[in-house]
Amino acid sequence: MTTTIAPTELFLAGRWTSGGAGTLATVNPSTGETLAEVASASAEDVDTAVAAATDALRGDWAAVPPSQKGNLLTKLADLVERDAEALARLEALEIGVPFGFASALFVPNLIGSLRYYAGWADKINGELVVNDGYFGAPTHAYTRREPVGVIAAIVPWNAPLMILGWKLAPALATGNAVIVKPAEDASLAILHLAKLVEEAGFPAGTVQVLPGAGAVVGEALAVHPGVHKVSFTGSTETGRRILRNSAGNFKRTTLELGGKSPQIVFEDANLDSAIRGAAMGIFSNQGQVCAAGTRIFVHRSIHDAVLDGLKIAAEAQIVGDPFEASTTMGPLINRAQRDKVLGYVEKGQAEGAKLVTGGTTADGPGFFVNPAVFAGTNDQVIAREEIFGPVGTVIPFDDDAEAIALANDNDYGLAATVWTTDLSRAHTVSAALQAGAVGVNGWSPLGPQLPWGGLKASGVGRELGYEGILANTEAKTVTIVL
């Protein structure tokens, strides 16, 4: 199998150039070896990018008609489809996700987001506003939806292409210019996408990609007076810092942050489907998912059956080379993340949770961890804090009210899953859960049409769906006194 290598320079003001802060090493988490040295942007590079984005908004990009903006997004989607294998390969190389998973979800979701918002580009309308007039004179009043301006898109390492699509596609459809800051551990696939942006023919400065250190590039984007919005996906701690830094010029923010998502398995659930789905929620992408359903609340009458089923599912995972067709779980992103996950396994045991299976390092080089299943309680640290690894905790409950109370008893509120065959219960429990998105009989359904975002410490704002249009535009009211 050949190795695909992406560009390693900054994509800045329509040109490929070295970074002002040297380079960053991108490491293959399956081997621990360096894949590439990627250019690292400086604060001065951020200044250059903001100036180029501002010029695009005032010039070439602003002059592109809405339907042509849609055509450019469609062309970009076609190019991503053409290079789908190369892009999935890059994600498998740099983040360790199984190649098949990246091919089946991450890249298709990016294509879907680009096509969905391409269709919106010439349909973003204001509305006529009926009102009482102006001191007795009639008026004609209406709203316009206008671009926010320069948007900083700060992307995490766990699903770079998919999550960038959630930010990039609606921002471009609504006429904004976007400066992308990839995660330090995962720049290559996004840099390849930048090459496709260039090939599609977007005007210079419309989309720029600045790899680099978060403390340098991310910080500079958050405080820059020429940036009008920050869209960030990542940890709650970093989200708080971005929110504080963005206050200088009252930037708009969309923050999709951490999660500790509950999955509730009721006694009437289809047990086989619930166990398979709950396992997917724990182990997908090595558990490195903001919406990972790692708190599994199970009715006491079926608790042991679900616990046994998840133990079997965990032990059936094939942990190994992301490019082997049989692999279902690759490595964690880096050594620090692996050690963090193993540390939580130790904390869980120290607090009295029963480790049913897993929680050990796998054989060979790289940052592999065997998936872990605990039997525990909702007050233990493994059920309170985001682990961002393949560690699930199964917790019993006795009735619907207790299940809801346990599920809501957490600082996070990103997603939740309900497993039941009772339609009334499905609607009632979904309404009561404190989460931005609830899946019933399916873990974390995702699609460009479905708004996504969290409550509480899981963030503010929404991406995707029509909410993505609203999040990337400002409403301007025009009132004409007749």
Protein backbone atom coordinates (compact mmCIF):
# COMPACT_ATOMS: atom_id res chain seq x y z
CA MET A 1 0.00 0.00 0.00
CA THR A 2 1.48 3.31 -1.07
CA THR A 3 1.77 6.20 1.33
CA THR A 4 0.01 9.45 0.43
CA ILE A 5 1.89 12.57 1.47
CA ALA A 6 0.06 15.88 1.54
CA PRO A 7 1.52 19.38 1.22
CA THR A 8 3.38 20.43 4.35
CA GLU A 9 3.47 24.21 3.91
CA LEU A 10 1.01 26.90 4.96
CA PHE A 11 -1.74 27.73 2.48
CA LEU A 12 -1.60 31.49 2.98
CA ALA A 13 -3.15 34.22 0.80
CA GLY A 14 -3.48 31.80 -2.11
CA ARG A 15 0.13 30.61 -1.93
CA TRP A 16 2.05 27.72 -0.40
CA THR A 17 4.72 29.07 1.90
CA SER A 18 6.89 28.18 4.88
CA GLY A 19 5.75 29.16 8.36
CA GLY A 20 7.24 31.83 10.51
CA ALA A 21 7.54 29.50 13.51
CA GLY A 22 9.54 26.66 11.98
CA THR A 23 7.95 23.22 11.76
CA LEU A 24 5.92 20.74 13.80
CA ALA A 25 6.36 16.98 13.59
CA THR A 26 3.31 14.92 12.64
CA VAL A 27 3.66 11.47 14.23
CA ASN A 28 2.14 8.19 13.07
CA PRO A 29 0.35 6.94 16.23
CA SER A 30 0.54 3.35 15.00
CA THR A 31 4.34 3.35 15.07
CA GLY A 32 5.43 6.45 17.00
CA GLU A 33 7.51 7.49 13.98
CA THR A 34 7.44 10.93 12.33
CA LEU A 35 5.29 11.11 9.20
CA ALA A 36 6.20 14.63 8.16
CA GLU A 37 7.50 17.98 9.33
CA VAL A 38 4.70 20.49 8.81
CA ALA A 39 5.18 24.25 8.57
CA SER A 40 4.20 26.05 11.76
CA ALA A 41 2.56 29.47 11.50
CA SER A 42 3.48 32.49 13.57
CA ALA A 43 1.38 35.37 14.88
CA GLU A 44 2.69 37.41 11.94
CA ASP A 45 1.36 34.74 9.56
CA VAL A 46 -2.03 35.16 11.22
CA ASP A 47 -1.87 38.90 10.51
CA THR A 48 -1.13 38.14 6.85
CA ALA A 49 -4.00 35.67 6.67
CA VAL A 50 -6.50 38.09 8.20
CA ALA A 51 -5.45 40.79 5.75
CA ALA A 52 -5.84 38.41 2.81
CA ALA A 53 -9.25 37.25 4.06
CA THR A 54 -10.38 40.85 4.49
CA ASP A 55 -9.26 41.65 0.94
CA ALA A 56 -11.20 38.65 -0.39
CA LEU A 57 -14.33 39.78 1.44
CA ARG A 58 -14.03 43.24 -0.08
CA GLY A 59 -13.01 42.08 -3.54
CA ASP A 60 -12.87 38.83 -5.50
CA TRP A 61 -14.86 36.60 -3.15
CA ALA A 62 -17.54 39.22 -2.54
CA ALA A 63 -17.95 39.57 -6.31
CA VAL A 64 -18.74 35.86 -6.79
CA PRO A 65 -22.54 35.51 -7.29
CA PRO A 66 -24.38 33.24 -4.84
CA SER A 67 -25.07 30.52 -7.42
CA GLN A 68 -21.38 30.47 -8.38
CA LYS A 69 -20.44 30.11 -4.69
CA GLY A 70 -22.64 27.01 -4.74
CA ASN A 71 -20.94 25.80 -7.90
CA LEU A 72 -17.51 26.18 -6.28
CA LEU A 73 -18.66 24.16 -3.26
CA THR A 74 -20.02 21.49 -5.59
CA LYS A 75 -16.73 21.41 -7.49
CA LEU A 76 -14.85 21.04 -4.21
CA ALA A 77 -17.15 18.17 -3.25
CA ASP A 78 -16.41 16.51 -6.61
CA LEU A 79 -12.66 16.85 -6.00
CA VAL A 80 -12.97 15.41 -2.49
CA GLU A 81 -14.90 12.50 -3.97
CA ARG A 82 -12.15 12.00 -6.55
CA ASP A 83 -9.48 11.99 -3.83
CA ALA A 84 -11.57 10.17 -1.23
CA GLU A 85 -9.16 7.26 -0.87
CA ALA A 86 -6.13 9.53 -0.45
CA LEU A 87 -7.92 11.64 2.15
CA ALA A 88 -9.09 8.60 4.12
CA ARG A 89 -5.56 7.21 3.96
CA LEU A 90 -4.15 10.43 5.40
CA GLU A 91 -6.63 10.36 8.28
CA ALA A 92 -5.74 6.73 9.02
CA LEU A 93 -2.04 7.59 8.95
CA GLU A 94 -2.11 10.65 11.18
CA ILE A 95 -4.91 9.93 13.67
CA GLY A 96 -4.92 6.12 13.67
CA VAL A 97 -8.59 5.67 12.75
CA PRO A 98 -9.22 2.46 10.78
CA PHE A 99 -9.04 3.23 7.06
CA GLY A 100 -12.45 1.64 6.50
CA PHE A 101 -14.05 3.86 9.14
CA ALA A 102 -12.56 7.01 7.64
CA SER A 103 -13.72 5.86 4.19
CA ALA A 104 -17.23 5.04 5.37
CA LEU A 105 -17.91 8.06 7.62
CA PHE A 106 -15.40 10.89 7.75
CA VAL A 107 -14.86 11.56 4.05
CA PRO A 108 -18.48 10.92 2.95
CA ASN A 109 -19.70 13.24 5.70
CA LEU A 110 -17.39 15.98 4.40
CA ILE A 111 -18.72 15.46 0.87
CA GLY A 112 -22.29 15.54 2.17
CA SER A 113 -21.73 18.81 4.03
CA LEU A 114 -20.21 20.48 0.95
CA ARG A 115 -23.09 19.36 -1.28
CA TYR A 116 -25.78 20.27 1.25
CA TYR A 117 -24.54 23.82 1.71
CA ALA A 118 -23.82 24.24 -1.99
CA GLY A 119 -27.58 23.99 -2.39
CA TRP A 120 -28.12 26.73 0.19
CA ALA A 121 -25.76 29.28 -1.37
CA ASP A 122 -28.39 31.01 -3.56
CA LYS A 123 -31.31 30.55 -1.16
CA ILE A 124 -30.20 32.67 1.80
CA ASN A 125 -32.94 35.25 2.02
CA GLY A 126 -34.16 37.85 4.47
CA GLU A 127 -37.84 38.50 5.04
CA LEU A 128 -40.43 41.23 4.86
CA VAL A 129 -41.26 42.57 8.32
CA VAL A 130 -44.78 43.87 8.89
CA ASN A 131 -44.72 46.64 11.52
CA ASP A 132 -46.70 49.59 12.91
CA GLY A 133 -44.91 52.28 10.94
CA TYR A 134 -42.83 55.27 11.98
CA PHE A 135 -44.63 58.08 13.88
CA GLY A 136 -47.72 57.53 11.78
CA ALA A 137 -45.90 57.12 8.46
CA PRO A 138 -46.01 53.73 6.76
CA THR A 139 -42.75 51.86 6.26
CA HIS A 140 -41.34 49.12 4.12
CA ALA A 141 -39.10 47.00 6.36
CA TYR A 142 -37.08 43.92 5.60
CA THR A 143 -34.09 41.95 6.80
CA ARG A 144 -30.93 40.91 4.98
CA ARG A 145 -28.72 38.01 6.00
CA GLU A 146 -25.12 39.07 5.47
CA PRO A 147 -21.79 37.26 6.05
CA VAL A 148 -20.25 37.52 9.51
CA GLY A 149 -16.86 38.26 7.90
CA VAL A 150 -13.55 36.58 8.68
CA ILE A 151 -14.12 33.29 10.48
CA ALA A 152 -11.44 31.29 12.29
CA ALA A 153 -12.18 27.56 12.14
CA ILE A 154 -10.17 25.72 14.81
CA VAL A 155 -10.39 21.99 14.16
CA PRO A 156 -9.69 19.02 16.49
CA TRP A 157 -7.56 15.98 15.74
CA ASN A 158 -10.15 13.24 16.22
CA ALA A 159 -12.14 13.75 12.97
CA PRO A 160 -10.42 16.62 11.13
CA LEU A 161 -12.04 16.43 7.69
CA MET A 162 -15.57 15.75 8.88
CA ILE A 163 -15.60 18.49 11.49
CA LEU A 164 -13.90 20.99 9.18
CA GLY A 165 -16.71 20.33 6.70
CA TRP A 166 -19.24 21.34 9.35
CA LYS A 167 -17.49 24.69 9.70
CA LEU A 168 -16.22 25.37 6.19
CA ALA A 169 -19.25 24.51 4.06
CA PRO A 170 -21.84 26.81 5.70
CA ALA A 171 -19.30 29.60 6.15
CA LEU A 172 -18.48 29.61 2.43
CA ALA A 173 -22.09 29.19 1.34
CA THR A 174 -22.95 32.35 3.25
CA GLY A 175 -20.06 34.33 1.77
CA ASN A 176 -17.53 34.37 4.62
CA ALA A 177 -13.76 33.96 4.39
CA VAL A 178 -12.29 31.16 6.52
CA ILE A 179 -8.91 30.74 8.20
CA VAL A 180 -8.44 27.11 9.23
CA LYS A 181 -6.24 26.16 12.16
CA PRO A 182 -5.75 22.36 12.18
CA ALA A 183 -4.81 20.45 15.31
CA GLU A 184 -1.09 20.08 15.93
CA ASP A 185 -1.40 16.29 15.63
CA ALA A 186 -3.48 16.25 12.44
CA SER A 187 -2.70 18.73 9.65
CA LEU A 188 -2.00 16.53 6.63
CA ALA A 189 -5.53 15.66 5.48
CA ILE A 190 -6.62 19.28 5.88
CA LEU A 191 -3.61 20.49 3.89
CA HIS A 192 -4.58 18.08 1.12
CA LEU A 193 -8.07 19.58 1.24
CA ALA A 194 -6.49 23.03 0.87
CA LYS A 195 -4.87 21.78 -2.33
CA LEU A 196 -8.36 20.87 -3.58
CA VAL A 197 -9.70 24.30 -2.57
CA GLU A 198 -6.96 25.81 -4.73
CA GLU A 199 -7.78 23.45 -7.62
CA ALA A 200 -11.50 24.25 -7.39
CA GLY A 201 -10.73 27.93 -8.04
CA PHE A 202 -11.77 29.74 -4.87
CA PRO A 203 -10.34 33.28 -4.90
CA ALA A 204 -7.11 33.81 -2.96
CA GLY A 205 -7.72 34.53 0.71
CA THR A 206 -11.16 32.88 0.78
CA VAL A 207 -9.83 29.74 2.48
CA GLN A 208 -6.44 29.60 4.20
CA VAL A 209 -4.85 26.87 6.30
CA LEU A 210 -2.40 27.71 9.09
CA PRO A 211 -0.98 24.70 10.95
CA GLY A 212 0.83 25.55 14.13
CA ALA A 213 0.82 25.59 17.90
CA GLY A 214 -2.49 26.34 19.55
CA ALA A 215 -0.85 28.74 21.98
CA VAL A 216 0.43 30.77 19.01
CA VAL A 217 -1.99 30.44 16.08
CA GLY A 218 -5.18 29.71 18.00
CA GLU A 219 -4.46 32.47 20.49
CA ALA A 220 -3.65 34.98 17.74
CA LEU A 221 -6.88 34.18 15.89
CA ALA A 222 -8.98 34.45 19.06
CA VAL A 223 -7.65 37.90 19.99
CA HIS A 224 -7.26 39.35 16.47
CA PRO A 225 -9.51 42.37 15.90
CA GLY A 226 -9.90 41.45 12.23
CA VAL A 227 -11.44 38.05 13.02
CA HIS A 228 -15.20 38.29 13.47
CA LYS A 229 -16.03 34.77 14.62
CA VAL A 230 -14.27 31.74 16.09
CA SER A 231 -15.72 28.31 15.43
CA PHE A 232 -13.95 25.83 17.70
CA THR A 233 -14.30 22.12 18.38
CA GLY A 234 -12.19 20.70 21.19
CA SER A 235 -11.80 20.56 24.93
CA THR A 236 -13.96 22.54 27.34
CA GLU A 237 -10.87 24.04 28.96
CA THR A 238 -9.62 25.44 25.63
CA GLY A 239 -13.13 26.58 24.75
CA ARG A 240 -13.28 28.69 27.91
CA ARG A 241 -9.95 30.30 26.99
CA ILE A 242 -11.15 31.07 23.46
CA LEU A 243 -14.34 32.59 24.82
CA ARG A 244 -12.35 34.87 27.12
CA ASN A 245 -9.91 35.86 24.38
CA SER A 246 -12.68 36.58 21.89
CA ALA A 247 -14.24 39.20 24.16
CA GLY A 248 -11.83 41.92 22.97
CA ASN A 249 -13.87 42.69 19.86
CA PHE A 250 -17.02 40.78 20.87
CA LYS A 251 -16.42 37.99 18.37
CA ARG A 252 -19.21 35.59 17.72
CA THR A 253 -18.35 32.07 18.84
CA THR A 254 -19.55 28.57 18.10
CA LEU A 255 -18.00 26.17 20.58
CA GLU A 256 -18.53 22.40 20.39
CA LEU A 257 -16.72 21.14 23.45
CA GLY A 258 -16.39 18.04 25.59
CA GLY A 259 -18.96 15.42 26.40
CA LYS A 260 -19.80 12.55 28.71
CA SER A 261 -22.82 11.28 26.87
CA PRO A 262 -25.32 8.90 28.50
CA GLN A 263 -26.85 5.88 26.84
CA ILE A 264 -30.03 4.66 28.56
CA VAL A 265 -31.05 1.06 27.94
CA PHE A 266 -34.61 0.41 29.08
CA GLU A 267 -35.96 -3.02 29.91
CA ASP A 268 -38.08 -3.09 26.72
CA ALA A 269 -35.17 -2.34 24.39
CA ASN A 270 -34.13 -4.69 21.61
CA LEU A 271 -31.23 -6.11 23.56
CA ASP A 272 -29.04 -7.17 20.64
CA SER A 273 -29.40 -3.78 18.92
CA ALA A 274 -28.84 -1.90 22.16
CA ILE A 275 -25.63 -3.79 22.98
CA ARG A 276 -24.27 -3.36 19.45
CA GLY A 277 -25.18 0.32 19.42
CA ALA A 278 -23.89 1.01 22.91
CA ALA A 279 -20.61 -0.68 21.98
CA MET A 280 -20.36 1.54 18.91
CA GLY A 281 -20.85 4.56 21.15
CA ILE A 282 -17.97 3.51 23.39
CA PHE A 283 -15.42 2.13 20.93
CA SER A 284 -15.85 4.05 17.65
CA ASN A 285 -12.72 5.97 16.67
CA GLN A 286 -11.01 4.45 19.71
CA GLY A 287 -13.46 6.31 21.94
CA GLN A 288 -11.94 9.61 20.82
CA VAL A 289 -15.32 11.19 20.12
CA CYS A 290 -16.89 14.17 21.90
CA ALA A 291 -20.25 12.42 21.79
CA ALA A 292 -18.92 9.05 22.96
CA GLY A 293 -21.65 7.28 24.91
CA THR A 294 -19.47 6.11 27.77
CA ARG A 295 -22.05 6.27 30.59
CA ILE A 296 -24.34 3.30 29.96
CA PHE A 297 -27.37 3.35 32.25
CA VAL A 298 -29.15 0.00 32.20
CA HIS A 299 -32.40 -1.07 33.83
CA ARG A 300 -31.49 -3.32 36.73
CA SER A 301 -33.48 -6.25 35.31
CA ILE A 302 -31.17 -6.47 32.28
CA HIS A 303 -28.01 -4.98 33.78
CA ASP A 304 -26.00 -8.21 33.84
CA ALA A 305 -27.02 -9.15 30.31
CA VAL A 306 -25.90 -5.79 28.92
CA LEU A 307 -22.69 -5.84 30.95
CA ASP A 308 -21.87 -9.32 29.62
CA GLY A 309 -22.75 -8.24 26.08
CA LEU A 310 -20.46 -5.20 26.24
CA LYS A 311 -17.67 -7.36 27.68
CA ILE A 312 -17.99 -9.69 24.69
CA ALA A 313 -18.12 -6.70 22.30
CA ALA A 314 -14.98 -5.20 23.85
CA GLU A 315 -13.06 -8.44 23.64
CA ALA A 316 -14.17 -8.88 20.01
CA GLN A 317 -12.52 -5.61 18.97
CA ILE A 318 -9.46 -6.14 16.80
CA VAL A 319 -6.89 -3.57 17.88
CA GLY A 320 -4.13 -3.00 15.35
CA ASP A 321 -2.92 -1.54 12.07
CA PRO A 322 -5.52 0.92 10.71
CA PHE A 323 -4.85 -0.38 7.19
CA GLU A 324 -5.65 -4.01 7.97
CA ALA A 325 -9.17 -4.79 6.78
CA SER A 326 -9.96 -6.74 9.96
CA THR A 327 -8.97 -3.90 12.34
CA THR A 328 -11.83 -2.28 14.23
CA MET A 329 -9.75 -0.09 16.57
CA GLY A 330 -6.51 1.71 15.86
CA PRO A 331 -4.19 3.53 18.27
CA LEU A 332 -4.91 6.56 20.38
CA ILE A 333 -3.58 9.80 18.93
CA ASN A 334 -0.36 10.09 20.95
CA ARG A 335 1.54 8.83 23.97
CA ALA A 336 0.08 11.46 26.31
CA GLN A 337 -3.49 10.49 25.39
CA ARG A 338 -2.71 6.80 25.85
CA ASP A 339 -1.23 7.46 29.29
CA LYS A 340 -4.20 9.63 30.22
CA VAL A 341 -6.65 6.85 29.34
CA LEU A 342 -4.65 4.26 31.27
CA GLY A 343 -4.57 6.67 34.21
CA TYR A 344 -8.38 6.80 34.23
CA VAL A 345 -8.51 3.00 34.24
CA GLU A 346 -6.36 3.07 37.38
CA LYS A 347 -8.55 5.78 38.96
CA GLY A 348 -11.69 3.77 38.28
CA GLN A 349 -10.29 0.72 40.01
CA ALA A 350 -9.01 2.80 42.92
CA GLU A 351 -12.52 4.19 43.49
CA GLY A 352 -14.06 0.72 43.57
CA ALA A 353 -15.41 0.34 40.04
CA LYS A 354 -15.14 -3.24 38.78
CA LEU A 355 -12.98 -3.57 35.67
CA VAL A 356 -14.76 -6.27 33.66
CA THR A 357 -12.33 -6.34 30.76
CA GLY A 358 -9.56 -4.45 28.98
CA GLY A 359 -7.80 -1.28 30.00
CA THR A 360 -4.34 -2.54 29.13
CA THR A 361 -1.81 -1.59 26.49
CA ALA A 362 -1.80 -3.67 23.35
CA ASP A 363 1.26 -5.39 21.98
CA GLY A 364 3.66 -3.68 19.56
CA PRO A 365 4.78 -0.12 18.89
CA GLY A 366 2.35 2.76 18.81
CA PHE A 367 -0.23 4.02 21.26
CA PHE A 368 -2.70 1.14 21.44
CA VAL A 369 -5.10 0.44 24.34
CA ASN A 370 -7.43 -2.54 24.70
CA PRO A 371 -11.00 -1.28 25.22
CA ALA A 372 -12.25 -1.28 28.80
CA VAL A 373 -15.66 -1.92 30.34
CA PHE A 374 -16.40 -1.12 33.99
CA ALA A 375 -19.32 -1.86 36.27
CA GLY A 376 -19.60 1.26 38.41
CA THR A 377 -21.62 4.16 39.73
CA ASN A 378 -22.39 7.64 38.46
CA ASP A 379 -20.33 9.38 41.15
CA GLN A 380 -17.00 7.77 40.19
CA VAL A 381 -14.46 9.81 38.26
CA ILE A 382 -14.67 7.52 35.22
CA ALA A 383 -18.36 8.46 34.97
CA ARG A 384 -17.86 12.16 35.68
CA GLU A 385 -14.96 13.24 33.46
CA GLU A 386 -14.36 13.01 29.73
CA ILE A 387 -11.75 10.29 29.15
CA PHE A 388 -11.60 10.49 25.33
CA GLY A 389 -10.69 6.85 25.01
CA PRO A 390 -12.38 3.42 24.78
CA VAL A 391 -13.60 3.20 28.37
CA GLY A 392 -17.27 2.65 29.24
CA THR A 393 -19.03 2.41 32.59
CA VAL A 394 -22.24 0.40 33.04
CA ILE A 395 -24.53 1.74 35.77
CA PRO A 396 -27.89 0.30 36.93
CA PHE A 397 -31.16 2.20 37.41
CA ASP A 398 -34.63 1.19 38.64
CA ASP A 399 -37.13 3.48 36.90
CA ASP A 400 -37.45 6.16 34.21
CA ALA A 401 -37.16 9.08 36.63
CA GLU A 402 -33.92 7.73 38.07
CA ALA A 403 -32.50 7.11 34.59
CA ILE A 404 -33.21 10.70 33.55
CA ALA A 405 -31.80 12.12 36.78
CA LEU A 406 -28.61 10.08 36.47
CA ALA A 407 -28.16 11.00 32.80
CA ASN A 408 -28.56 14.72 33.55
CA ASP A 409 -26.27 14.61 36.59
CA ASN A 410 -23.14 15.72 34.75
CA ASP A 411 -21.46 18.96 33.72
CA TYR A 412 -21.69 18.03 30.04
CA GLY A 413 -24.68 18.03 27.71
CA LEU A 414 -23.64 17.22 24.15
CA ALA A 415 -25.51 14.08 23.16
CA ALA A 416 -27.54 11.19 24.57
CA THR A 417 -28.96 7.89 23.36
CA VAL A 418 -32.21 6.19 24.35
CA TRP A 419 -32.75 2.48 23.70
CA THR A 420 -36.45 1.58 23.88
CA THR A 421 -39.29 0.16 21.79
CA ASP A 422 -41.88 2.32 23.61
CA LEU A 423 -42.68 5.32 21.40
CA SER A 424 -44.19 7.36 24.23
CA ARG A 425 -41.18 6.72 26.44
CA ALA A 426 -38.83 7.67 23.59
CA HIS A 427 -40.40 11.11 23.20
CA THR A 428 -40.87 11.73 26.93
CA VAL A 429 -37.32 10.81 27.90
CA SER A 430 -35.79 12.65 24.92
CA ALA A 431 -37.56 15.82 25.98
CA ALA A 432 -36.30 15.49 29.56
CA LEU A 433 -32.63 14.88 28.73
CA GLN A 434 -30.23 17.82 28.95
CA ALA A 435 -28.43 17.30 25.66
CA GLY A 436 -28.08 19.10 22.36
CA ALA A 437 -28.84 15.95 20.35
CA VAL A 438 -30.67 12.76 21.29
CA GLY A 439 -30.59 9.55 19.28
CA VAL A 440 -33.30 6.94 19.80
CA ASN A 441 -32.30 3.37 18.95
CA GLY A 442 -29.17 4.66 17.25
CA TRP A 443 -26.04 6.21 18.72
CA SER A 444 -25.20 9.77 17.62
CA PRO A 445 -26.92 10.06 14.22
CA LEU A 446 -25.03 12.64 12.13
CA GLY A 447 -25.94 14.37 8.90
CA PRO A 448 -25.51 17.79 7.28
CA GLN A 449 -29.23 18.43 7.76
CA LEU A 450 -29.16 17.79 11.53
CA PRO A 451 -28.12 20.66 13.84
CA TRP A 452 -25.29 19.73 16.18
CA GLY A 453 -24.00 21.27 19.41
CA GLY A 454 -24.18 21.04 23.17
CA LEU A 455 -25.51 22.45 26.41
CA LYS A 456 -23.75 23.27 29.68
CA ALA A 457 -19.99 22.57 29.52
CA SER A 458 -20.42 21.03 26.06
CA GLY A 459 -20.49 24.44 24.42
CA VAL A 460 -22.58 27.17 22.85
CA GLY A 461 -24.14 27.51 19.43
CA ARG A 462 -25.00 25.01 16.72
CA GLU A 463 -23.48 23.76 13.50
CA LEU A 464 -25.13 22.01 10.53
CA GLY A 465 -28.68 22.24 9.22
CA TYR A 466 -30.28 25.64 8.76
CA GLU A 467 -28.75 26.55 12.13
CA GLY A 468 -25.43 26.59 10.26
CA ILE A 469 -26.74 29.30 7.96
CA LEU A 470 -27.91 31.41 10.90
CA ALA A 471 -24.63 30.87 12.77
CA ASN A 472 -22.61 32.27 9.85
CA THR A 473 -24.72 35.31 9.00
CA GLU A 474 -25.78 38.54 10.63
CA ALA A 475 -29.34 39.83 10.34
CA LYS A 476 -29.49 43.45 9.13
CA THR A 477 -32.80 45.31 9.35
CA VAL A 478 -33.62 47.91 6.70
CA THR A 479 -36.61 50.23 7.30
CA ILE A 480 -37.74 52.67 4.60
CA VAL A 481 -40.14 55.39 5.72
CA LEU A 482 -42.65 55.84 2.88
